[in-house]
Every structure is written in structure tokens, then in C-alpha cells.
Amino acid sequence: MRRRQMLAVLGAAAWLTACSSVPKVSEQDVASLADAPRLTGRFGLIVPAGANAQGRAQNVTANFELLGDARRGRLEMSTPMGSLVARVSWQPGQVVLRTPDEERQYDDIESLTQELLGQALPVQALFDWLQGRPWPQAPQRPMGEQGFEQLGWQVDLRRFGDRLISAQRLNPDGGEAIATLRLKLDGTP
């Protein structure tokens, strides 16, 4: 009896997951990024209460797949069980968010991440940060062996050999960080 109940629960979970996933990528989108660099892993974003427009704390964890570059690319976020919950695609002049419930367009990636996560994430800079280097399109300040500061974020590379990067968005008025982003890449360096 217990086995039958477990199978029923797993079947229901699989059905619900299938019903609420993001539509597949079009063949045109797949072809446009076929040779693009691809990074996968997990990320966590912590935003303390009062550090965003909503005024509430947020803690977001997801698996990610990042393809392309700062000019043209795609970021897919999925649950630990593998259900795709959001896809962000960008190209010059167009940023599109697709979720199971809707498709929305934004002026830029920062506006999208600000609304979606409560903090503007420097997605375009992440391509370089995940390679352990500053983004060449913005000024940066080295922080010795531990990393660098760029775009209002302190990027900690002390565990880069373990494929782990941590970044904190600094409060412009001083004090505690207003967001902490942790990225763990899959695979070995």
C-alpha cells in the first residue's frame, strides 16, 4: 500500500510540474545560441527586509543555465526537481521573460531582475564574473587576492577554485549588504 501511495504522489507531482512549466525554446532560439558559451549551476539570492521596494526579505534559490553573452543570451531558472520556472532571453532592444503564467517584455535585464527578484542583478557582468574576472564594460576596483568591486557589488573569488562565487551588493549609504548572491558552477574548473 505504501509503495502505491508513493507512486501516486510522484505521479501527481510530475503531472503538476508538467502543467506549470515554461514552454520549450523555439528552434530559431536554439539555433541562434547553438555555439554560445554555456554555464550551469545553482544560485541563491538573499535580500534582507527593507532592502527592496517590496520591503520584505527574499530568499531565492534555483538551478540555472546561462547561454550566450552580454549582447545576446538566455538564462533559464529551474527548481531542484528540474522544472523550468522562468526563461529570460535578450538581444539588442529586447528582453523577454517567460514563466508558466505569462510572457512579458522589459527595456533591460536590470529592470526585469529588479521586479522579479527585488534587486537589479548585473546579468551581463555575470558572464565574466563566472570566469573569475571583472566585466570589461564597467570600471572595477581590485580587492587584493579576494576579488574585486564592480557595479556596486563586491565579488568574492576566494573559493573560485571550488567553482563558488559570492557577491554582495553594497548599501550606498554604508552598513550591511543589501543583497547577497551565491553562484556554484557545475563541473570542474
C-alpha atoms as a PDB file:
ATOM      1  CA  MET A   1       0.000   0.000   0.000  1.00  0.00           C
ATOM      2  CA  ARG A   2       2.778   2.427   0.919  1.00  0.00           C
ATOM      3  CA  ARG A   3       4.501   1.881  -2.448  1.00  0.00           C
ATOM      4  CA  ARG A   4       1.246   2.587  -4.311  1.00  0.00           C
ATOM      5  CA  GLN A   5       0.746   5.825  -2.348  1.00  0.00           C
ATOM      6  CA  MET A   6       4.314   6.914  -3.090  1.00  0.00           C
ATOM      7  CA  LEU A   7       3.861   6.238  -6.807  1.00  0.00           C
ATOM      8  CA  ALA A   8       0.598   8.198  -6.785  1.00  0.00           C
ATOM      9  CA  VAL A   9       2.286  11.162  -5.086  1.00  0.00           C
ATOM     10  CA  LEU A  10       5.213  11.078  -7.543  1.00  0.00           C
ATOM     11  CA  GLY A  11       2.814  10.808 -10.479  1.00  0.00           C
ATOM     12  CA  ALA A  12       0.777  13.774  -9.241  1.00  0.00           C
ATOM     13  CA  ALA A  13       3.944  15.819  -8.711  1.00  0.00           C
ATOM     14  CA  ALA A  14       5.160  15.006 -12.225  1.00  0.00           C
ATOM     15  CA  TRP A  15       1.771  15.949 -13.676  1.00  0.00           C
ATOM     16  CA  LEU A  16       1.670  19.254 -11.787  1.00  0.00           C
ATOM     17  CA  THR A  17       5.236  20.032 -12.844  1.00  0.00           C
ATOM     18  CA  ALA A  18       4.417  19.361 -16.489  1.00  0.00           C
ATOM     19  CA  CYS A  19       1.352  21.591 -16.275  1.00  0.00           C
ATOM     20  CA  SER A  20       3.255  24.526 -14.861  1.00  0.00           C
ATOM     21  CA  SER A  21       6.469  24.587 -16.831  1.00  0.00           C
ATOM     22  CA  VAL A  22       7.711  27.176 -19.271  1.00  0.00           C
ATOM     23  CA  PRO A  23       7.117  26.431 -22.981  1.00  0.00           C
ATOM     24  CA  LYS A  24      10.070  24.948 -24.882  1.00  0.00           C
ATOM     25  CA  VAL A  25      12.557  27.157 -26.676  1.00  0.00           C
ATOM     26  CA  SER A  26      11.805  27.723 -30.355  1.00  0.00           C
ATOM     27  CA  GLU A  27      14.092  26.108 -32.937  1.00  0.00           C
ATOM     28  CA  GLN A  28      15.150  29.599 -34.047  1.00  0.00           C
ATOM     29  CA  ASP A  29      16.254  30.476 -30.483  1.00  0.00           C
ATOM     30  CA  VAL A  30      18.118  27.182 -30.145  1.00  0.00           C
ATOM     31  CA  ALA A  31      19.922  27.751 -33.454  1.00  0.00           C
ATOM     32  CA  SER A  32      20.853  31.351 -32.581  1.00  0.00           C
ATOM     33  CA  LEU A  33      22.716  30.184 -29.431  1.00  0.00           C
ATOM     34  CA  ALA A  34      23.909  26.777 -30.649  1.00  0.00           C
ATOM     35  CA  ASP A  35      27.606  27.665 -30.399  1.00  0.00           C
ATOM     36  CA  ALA A  36      27.244  30.049 -27.449  1.00  0.00           C
ATOM     37  CA  PRO A  37      29.155  29.504 -24.209  1.00  0.00           C
ATOM     38  CA  ARG A  38      27.050  27.613 -21.648  1.00  0.00           C
ATOM     39  CA  LEU A  39      27.341  27.753 -17.862  1.00  0.00           C
ATOM     40  CA  THR A  40      25.197  25.766 -15.448  1.00  0.00           C
ATOM     41  CA  GLY A  41      24.932  25.590 -11.699  1.00  0.00           C
ATOM     42  CA  ARG A  42      22.941  26.817  -8.737  1.00  0.00           C
ATOM     43  CA  PHE A  43      22.360  30.283  -7.399  1.00  0.00           C
ATOM     44  CA  GLY A  44      20.987  31.766  -4.252  1.00  0.00           C
ATOM     45  CA  LEU A  45      19.940  35.366  -3.705  1.00  0.00           C
ATOM     46  CA  ILE A  46      19.250  36.805  -0.278  1.00  0.00           C
ATOM     47  CA  VAL A  47      17.681  40.256   0.023  1.00  0.00           C
ATOM     48  CA  PRO A  48      17.131  41.451   3.619  1.00  0.00           C
ATOM     49  CA  ALA A  49      13.834  43.047   4.658  1.00  0.00           C
ATOM     50  CA  GLY A  50      13.733  46.724   3.732  1.00  0.00           C
ATOM     51  CA  ALA A  51      16.393  46.385   1.008  1.00  0.00           C
ATOM     52  CA  ASN A  52      13.906  46.288  -1.861  1.00  0.00           C
ATOM     53  CA  ALA A  53      10.789  48.135  -3.000  1.00  0.00           C
ATOM     54  CA  GLN A  54       8.516  45.428  -1.560  1.00  0.00           C
ATOM     55  CA  GLY A  55      10.057  45.918   1.903  1.00  0.00           C
ATOM     56  CA  ARG A  56      10.114  42.202   2.638  1.00  0.00           C
ATOM     57  CA  ALA A  57      13.003  39.777   2.842  1.00  0.00           C
ATOM     58  CA  GLN A  58      13.530  37.447  -0.094  1.00  0.00           C
ATOM     59  CA  ASN A  59      15.474  34.235  -0.354  1.00  0.00           C
ATOM     60  CA  VAL A  60      15.540  32.742  -3.854  1.00  0.00           C
ATOM     61  CA  THR A  61      17.332  29.518  -4.765  1.00  0.00           C
ATOM     62  CA  ALA A  62      17.318  27.913  -8.199  1.00  0.00           C
ATOM     63  CA  ASN A  63      19.328  25.955 -10.699  1.00  0.00           C
ATOM     64  CA  PHE A  64      20.434  27.990 -13.691  1.00  0.00           C
ATOM     65  CA  GLU A  65      21.650  27.629 -17.239  1.00  0.00           C
ATOM     66  CA  LEU A  66      23.282  30.697 -18.768  1.00  0.00           C
ATOM     67  CA  LEU A  67      23.945  30.769 -22.505  1.00  0.00           C
ATOM     68  CA  GLY A  68      25.355  33.423 -24.780  1.00  0.00           C
ATOM     69  CA  ASP A  69      26.987  36.650 -23.782  1.00  0.00           C
ATOM     70  CA  ALA A  70      26.146  40.143 -22.597  1.00  0.00           C
ATOM     71  CA  ARG A  71      24.764  41.098 -26.034  1.00  0.00           C
ATOM     72  CA  ARG A  72      22.575  38.059 -26.797  1.00  0.00           C
ATOM     73  CA  GLY A  73      21.687  35.237 -24.475  1.00  0.00           C
ATOM     74  CA  ARG A  74      19.320  33.206 -22.375  1.00  0.00           C
ATOM     75  CA  LEU A  75      19.037  32.499 -18.653  1.00  0.00           C
ATOM     76  CA  GLU A  76      16.878  29.585 -17.553  1.00  0.00           C
ATOM     77  CA  MET A  77      15.955  29.026 -13.908  1.00  0.00           C
ATOM     78  CA  SER A  78      14.579  25.750 -12.634  1.00  0.00           C
ATOM     79  CA  THR A  79      13.589  24.113  -9.371  1.00  0.00           C
ATOM     80  CA  PRO A  80      15.811  21.497  -7.701  1.00  0.00           C
ATOM     81  CA  MET A  81      13.442  18.895  -9.223  1.00  0.00           C
ATOM     82  CA  GLY A  82      14.232  20.229 -12.713  1.00  0.00           C
ATOM     83  CA  SER A  83      11.017  22.104 -13.530  1.00  0.00           C
ATOM     84  CA  LEU A  84      11.750  25.164 -15.626  1.00  0.00           C
ATOM     85  CA  VAL A  85      10.112  28.126 -13.868  1.00  0.00           C
ATOM     86  CA  ALA A  86      11.479  31.082 -15.825  1.00  0.00           C
ATOM     87  CA  ARG A  87      13.364  31.830 -19.021  1.00  0.00           C
ATOM     88  CA  VAL A  88      14.886  35.202 -19.764  1.00  0.00           C
ATOM     89  CA  SER A  89      16.032  35.880 -23.328  1.00  0.00           C
ATOM     90  CA  TRP A  90      17.753  39.016 -24.518  1.00  0.00           C
ATOM     91  CA  GLN A  91      19.109  40.551 -27.677  1.00  0.00           C
ATOM     92  CA  PRO A  92      19.683  44.151 -28.671  1.00  0.00           C
ATOM     93  CA  GLY A  93      16.495  46.123 -27.949  1.00  0.00           C
ATOM     94  CA  GLN A  94      14.534  43.213 -26.475  1.00  0.00           C
ATOM     95  CA  VAL A  95      14.372  41.387 -23.139  1.00  0.00           C
ATOM     96  CA  VAL A  96      11.641  38.779 -22.658  1.00  0.00           C
ATOM     97  CA  LEU A  97      10.621  36.869 -19.534  1.00  0.00           C
ATOM     98  CA  ARG A  98       8.628  33.671 -19.951  1.00  0.00           C
ATOM     99  CA  THR A  99       7.069  31.950 -16.956  1.00  0.00           C
ATOM    100  CA  PRO A 100       4.388  29.252 -16.827  1.00  0.00           C
ATOM    101  CA  ASP A 101       1.775  32.011 -16.445  1.00  0.00           C
ATOM    102  CA  GLU A 102       2.894  34.768 -18.769  1.00  0.00           C
ATOM    103  CA  GLU A 103       5.296  36.365 -21.193  1.00  0.00           C
ATOM    104  CA  ARG A 104       6.485  39.917 -20.502  1.00  0.00           C
ATOM    105  CA  GLN A 105       8.868  42.309 -22.188  1.00  0.00           C
ATOM    106  CA  TYR A 106      11.280  44.684 -20.462  1.00  0.00           C
ATOM    107  CA  ASP A 107      13.551  47.522 -21.511  1.00  0.00           C
ATOM    108  CA  ASP A 108      16.629  45.881 -19.995  1.00  0.00           C
ATOM    109  CA  ILE A 109      17.723  42.949 -17.855  1.00  0.00           C
ATOM    110  CA  GLU A 110      18.242  45.084 -14.752  1.00  0.00           C
ATOM    111  CA  SER A 111      14.574  46.209 -14.809  1.00  0.00           C
ATOM    112  CA  LEU A 112      13.457  42.616 -15.141  1.00  0.00           C
ATOM    113  CA  THR A 113      15.589  41.302 -12.259  1.00  0.00           C
ATOM    114  CA  GLN A 114      14.625  44.275 -10.082  1.00  0.00           C
ATOM    115  CA  GLU A 115      10.933  43.448 -10.494  1.00  0.00           C
ATOM    116  CA  LEU A 116      11.340  39.675 -10.360  1.00  0.00           C
ATOM    117  CA  LEU A 117      13.875  39.341  -7.519  1.00  0.00           C
ATOM    118  CA  GLY A 118      13.733  42.649  -5.677  1.00  0.00           C
ATOM    119  CA  GLN A 119      17.282  43.621  -6.709  1.00  0.00           C
ATOM    120  CA  ALA A 120      18.795  44.512 -10.069  1.00  0.00           C
ATOM    121  CA  LEU A 121      21.303  41.792 -10.892  1.00  0.00           C
ATOM    122  CA  PRO A 122      24.172  42.530 -13.275  1.00  0.00           C
ATOM    123  CA  VAL A 123      23.357  39.575 -15.559  1.00  0.00           C
ATOM    124  CA  GLN A 124      25.550  40.922 -18.360  1.00  0.00           C
ATOM    125  CA  ALA A 125      28.547  41.080 -15.984  1.00  0.00           C
ATOM    126  CA  LEU A 126      27.879  37.554 -14.688  1.00  0.00           C
ATOM    127  CA  PHE A 127      29.392  36.041 -17.825  1.00  0.00           C
ATOM    128  CA  ASP A 128      32.780  37.450 -16.827  1.00  0.00           C
ATOM    129  CA  TRP A 129      32.309  37.109 -13.065  1.00  0.00           C
ATOM    130  CA  LEU A 130      31.659  33.388 -13.523  1.00  0.00           C
ATOM    131  CA  GLN A 131      35.004  33.213 -15.317  1.00  0.00           C
ATOM    132  CA  GLY A 132      36.671  34.835 -12.291  1.00  0.00           C
ATOM    133  CA  ARG A 133      37.274  38.239 -13.851  1.00  0.00           C
ATOM    134  CA  PRO A 134      35.667  41.704 -13.895  1.00  0.00           C
ATOM    135  CA  TRP A 135      33.341  42.685 -16.743  1.00  0.00           C
ATOM    136  CA  PRO A 136      35.399  44.818 -19.170  1.00  0.00           C
ATOM    137  CA  GLN A 137      32.471  47.191 -19.873  1.00  0.00           C
ATOM    138  CA  ALA A 138      32.481  48.801 -16.398  1.00  0.00           C
ATOM    139  CA  PRO A 139      35.132  50.184 -14.055  1.00  0.00           C
ATOM    140  CA  GLN A 140      36.306  47.905 -11.254  1.00  0.00           C
ATOM    141  CA  ARG A 141      38.437  48.156  -8.133  1.00  0.00           C
ATOM    142  CA  PRO A 142      40.643  45.193  -7.160  1.00  0.00           C
ATOM    143  CA  MET A 143      40.282  43.810  -3.627  1.00  0.00           C
ATOM    144  CA  GLY A 144      43.614  42.016  -3.442  1.00  0.00           C
ATOM    145  CA  GLU A 145      43.542  38.239  -3.663  1.00  0.00           C
ATOM    146  CA  GLN A 146      39.906  38.015  -2.676  1.00  0.00           C
ATOM    147  CA  GLY A 147      38.258  39.565  -5.743  1.00  0.00           C
ATOM    148  CA  PHE A 148      37.073  42.947  -6.973  1.00  0.00           C
ATOM    149  CA  GLU A 149      34.368  45.561  -6.631  1.00  0.00           C
ATOM    150  CA  GLN A 150      32.243  46.406  -9.673  1.00  0.00           C
ATOM    151  CA  LEU A 151      28.814  47.885 -10.389  1.00  0.00           C
ATOM    152  CA  GLY A 152      28.196  48.339  -6.660  1.00  0.00           C
ATOM    153  CA  TRP A 153      28.953  44.679  -5.900  1.00  0.00           C
ATOM    154  CA  GLN A 154      31.887  43.122  -4.047  1.00  0.00           C
ATOM    155  CA  VAL A 155      32.752  39.931  -5.912  1.00  0.00           C
ATOM    156  CA  ASP A 156      34.496  37.385  -3.692  1.00  0.00           C
ATOM    157  CA  LEU A 157      36.664  34.914  -5.610  1.00  0.00           C
ATOM    158  CA  ARG A 158      38.411  33.234  -2.660  1.00  0.00           C
ATOM    159  CA  ARG A 159      36.582  29.945  -3.416  1.00  0.00           C
ATOM    160  CA  PHE A 160      36.740  30.261  -7.192  1.00  0.00           C
ATOM    161  CA  GLY A 161      38.866  27.079  -7.343  1.00  0.00           C
ATOM    162  CA  ASP A 162      35.817  25.258  -5.931  1.00  0.00           C
ATOM    163  CA  ARG A 163      33.665  26.930  -8.630  1.00  0.00           C
ATOM    164  CA  LEU A 164      31.937  29.055  -5.976  1.00  0.00           C
ATOM    165  CA  ILE A 165      31.494  32.817  -6.319  1.00  0.00           C
ATOM    166  CA  SER A 166      29.859  35.106  -3.810  1.00  0.00           C
ATOM    167  CA  ALA A 167      28.886  38.711  -4.461  1.00  0.00           C
ATOM    168  CA  GLN A 168      27.385  41.289  -2.141  1.00  0.00           C
ATOM    169  CA  ARG A 169      25.615  44.406  -3.309  1.00  0.00           C
ATOM    170  CA  LEU A 170      26.804  47.236  -1.135  1.00  0.00           C
ATOM    171  CA  ASN A 171      24.493  49.691   0.551  1.00  0.00           C
ATOM    172  CA  PRO A 172      25.466  53.086  -0.945  1.00  0.00           C
ATOM    173  CA  ASP A 173      24.861  54.667   2.483  1.00  0.00           C
ATOM    174  CA  GLY A 174      27.216  52.212   4.188  1.00  0.00           C
ATOM    175  CA  GLY A 175      26.257  49.464   6.588  1.00  0.00           C
ATOM    176  CA  GLU A 176      25.231  45.938   5.726  1.00  0.00           C
ATOM    177  CA  ALA A 177      24.925  44.493   2.233  1.00  0.00           C
ATOM    178  CA  ILE A 178      21.509  44.906   0.612  1.00  0.00           C
ATOM    179  CA  ALA A 179      21.804  41.668  -1.388  1.00  0.00           C
ATOM    180  CA  THR A 180      23.968  38.570  -1.375  1.00  0.00           C
ATOM    181  CA  LEU A 181      24.315  36.417  -4.481  1.00  0.00           C
ATOM    182  CA  ARG A 182      25.981  32.996  -4.356  1.00  0.00           C
ATOM    183  CA  LEU A 183      26.773  31.055  -7.515  1.00  0.00           C
ATOM    184  CA  LYS A 184      28.020  27.487  -7.663  1.00  0.00           C
ATOM    185  CA  LEU A 185      29.040  26.258 -11.101  1.00  0.00           C
ATOM    186  CA  ASP A 186      28.628  22.641 -12.131  1.00  0.00           C
ATOM    187  CA  GLY A 187      31.615  20.606 -13.237  1.00  0.00           C
ATOM    188  CA  THR A 188      35.293  21.047 -12.568  1.00  0.00           C
ATOM    189  CA  PRO A 189      37.442  24.052 -13.465  1.00  0.00           C
END
